[in-house]
Protein backbone atom coordinates (compact mmCIF):
# COMPACT_ATOMS: atom_id res chain seq x y z
CA MET A 1 -36.88 -19.62 -38.63
CA ILE A 2 -38.89 -16.59 -39.46
CA ASN A 3 -36.11 -14.53 -41.05
CA ALA A 4 -37.06 -11.12 -39.32
CA THR A 5 -35.23 -8.32 -41.07
CA ALA A 6 -35.99 -5.24 -39.10
CA ILE A 7 -38.21 -3.73 -36.29
CA ALA A 8 -41.09 -2.27 -38.07
CA PHE A 9 -42.34 -0.25 -35.10
CA THR A 10 -42.58 -0.03 -31.28
CA GLY A 11 -46.10 0.79 -30.16
CA TYR A 12 -47.53 2.27 -27.09
CA PRO A 13 -51.23 2.30 -26.00
CA VAL A 14 -52.56 5.68 -24.82
CA THR A 15 -55.84 6.47 -23.36
CA ASP A 16 -56.14 10.19 -24.30
CA MET A 17 -54.77 10.79 -27.76
CA VAL A 18 -54.99 14.54 -27.37
CA ARG A 19 -52.87 14.45 -24.16
CA ALA A 20 -50.49 11.82 -25.60
CA ARG A 21 -49.77 13.84 -28.72
CA ALA A 22 -49.08 16.95 -26.71
CA PHE A 23 -46.56 14.98 -24.68
CA TYR A 24 -44.89 13.07 -27.68
CA GLU A 25 -44.95 16.16 -29.96
CA GLY A 26 -44.73 19.16 -27.52
CA VAL A 27 -42.47 17.81 -24.85
CA LEU A 28 -40.28 15.12 -26.63
CA GLY A 29 -40.42 17.16 -29.97
CA LEU A 30 -41.28 14.29 -32.20
CA LYS A 31 -42.86 14.95 -35.68
CA PRO A 32 -45.89 12.88 -36.77
CA ALA A 33 -44.89 10.91 -39.95
CA ASN A 34 -48.13 9.01 -40.34
CA VAL A 35 -51.63 9.50 -38.79
CA TRP A 36 -54.55 7.15 -39.26
CA LYS A 37 -57.91 8.17 -37.76
CA HIS A 38 -61.05 6.17 -37.48
CA GLU A 39 -63.88 7.72 -35.50
CA ASP A 40 -62.56 8.68 -32.15
CA ARG A 41 -59.55 6.42 -32.37
CA ALA A 42 -56.15 6.93 -33.93
CA TRP A 43 -52.73 5.59 -34.73
CA VAL A 44 -49.77 8.00 -34.91
CA GLU A 45 -46.18 7.16 -36.01
CA TYR A 46 -43.15 9.16 -35.39
CA GLU A 47 -40.15 8.10 -37.54
CA LEU A 48 -36.63 8.32 -36.17
CA GLN A 49 -33.79 7.27 -38.45
CA GLY A 50 -35.63 4.25 -40.01
CA ALA A 51 -37.35 3.26 -36.89
CA ALA A 52 -40.99 4.10 -35.94
CA LEU A 53 -42.46 4.90 -32.56
CA ALA A 54 -46.28 4.59 -32.58
CA ILE A 55 -48.94 5.61 -30.11
CA THR A 56 -52.50 4.47 -30.49
CA ASN A 57 -55.91 4.12 -28.78
CA MET A 58 -57.31 1.89 -31.35
CA ALA A 59 -57.30 -1.19 -29.11
CA MET A 60 -57.81 0.33 -25.73
CA GLU A 61 -60.05 -2.79 -24.54
CA LYS A 62 -57.30 -5.18 -25.00
CA TRP A 63 -54.00 -3.19 -25.05
CA LYS A 64 -53.49 -1.23 -21.94
CA PRO A 65 -50.78 1.24 -21.07
CA SER A 66 -48.44 -0.13 -18.29
CA VAL A 67 -45.31 0.87 -16.42
CA ASP A 68 -44.42 -2.78 -16.43
CA GLY A 69 -44.21 -3.07 -20.04
CA PRO A 70 -41.23 -2.71 -22.48
CA ALA A 71 -39.52 0.67 -23.12
CA VAL A 72 -38.14 2.13 -26.27
CA ALA A 73 -34.90 4.00 -25.69
CA LEU A 74 -34.59 7.43 -27.51
CA GLU A 75 -31.12 8.46 -28.40
CA VAL A 76 -30.61 12.03 -27.58
CA ALA A 77 -27.75 14.50 -28.70
CA ASN A 78 -27.32 16.23 -25.42
CA PHE A 79 -28.31 14.18 -22.45
CA ASP A 80 -28.20 16.99 -19.86
CA ALA A 81 -30.21 19.37 -21.89
CA ALA A 82 -32.87 16.63 -22.51
CA VAL A 83 -33.07 15.80 -18.83
CA ALA A 84 -33.46 19.50 -18.03
CA VAL A 85 -36.13 20.06 -20.57
CA LEU A 86 -37.97 16.88 -19.20
CA LYS A 87 -37.67 17.98 -15.58
CA LYS A 88 -38.84 21.50 -16.28
CA ALA A 89 -41.97 19.97 -18.02
CA GLY A 90 -42.80 17.90 -14.81
CA VAL A 91 -42.19 14.49 -16.48
CA PRO A 92 -41.89 11.64 -14.10
CA PHE A 93 -38.48 9.95 -13.89
CA PRO A 94 -38.98 6.35 -12.37
CA VAL A 95 -35.37 5.88 -13.01
CA GLU A 96 -33.27 9.02 -12.28
CA PRO A 97 -30.52 9.79 -14.77
CA GLY A 98 -27.34 7.68 -14.30
CA GLY A 99 -24.55 6.44 -16.27
CA SER A 100 -21.97 3.60 -16.89
CA PRO A 101 -18.63 3.58 -18.58
CA SER A 102 -20.53 3.34 -22.10
CA CYS A 103 -23.78 5.41 -21.79
CA ARG A 104 -25.94 7.75 -19.77
CA LEU A 105 -29.64 6.88 -19.31
CA ALA A 106 -32.88 7.77 -17.57
CA VAL A 107 -36.35 6.31 -17.71
CA ILE A 108 -39.27 8.71 -17.94
CA SER A 109 -43.00 8.02 -17.98
CA ASP A 110 -45.48 9.34 -20.62
CA PRO A 111 -49.01 10.63 -19.35
CA ASP A 112 -50.22 6.96 -19.27
CA GLY A 113 -47.31 5.56 -17.34
CA ASN A 114 -45.57 3.84 -20.33
CA SER A 115 -41.83 3.91 -19.84
CA ILE A 116 -39.51 5.59 -22.19
CA ALA A 117 -35.77 5.53 -21.89
CA ILE A 118 -33.64 8.67 -22.71
CA HIS A 119 -30.17 7.48 -23.75
CA CYS A 120 -26.93 8.93 -24.72
CA LEU A 121 -23.63 6.96 -25.60
CA ASN A 122 -20.57 8.39 -23.90
CA LYS A 123 -18.02 9.79 -26.35
CA SER A 124 -14.55 8.05 -26.43
């Protein structure tokens, strides 16, 4: 047993760091917590309540963006408002907003096609 104690980060490869940061910071409203740069490559982390979402173009030769990869789910305070902002910004929705008895969810794509879920628990 390896005794994992937490998820350190969820990472997404991106091809254009300027475009990616405009999306993650400008559209999603995330604030960078840590930024490491080396020449024309970068690793940017956004911290959200003890978890980190990272974007990077440091391993572009081996780690490629993909619509088929895993997806992080971002919890939002107001699902309808978040969907409205994303639709107004022209963000693609591979999975349109929907719901279940326990939550509401939609899947969006970042500029490289990586999947991100937008999620909100239904209040009981």
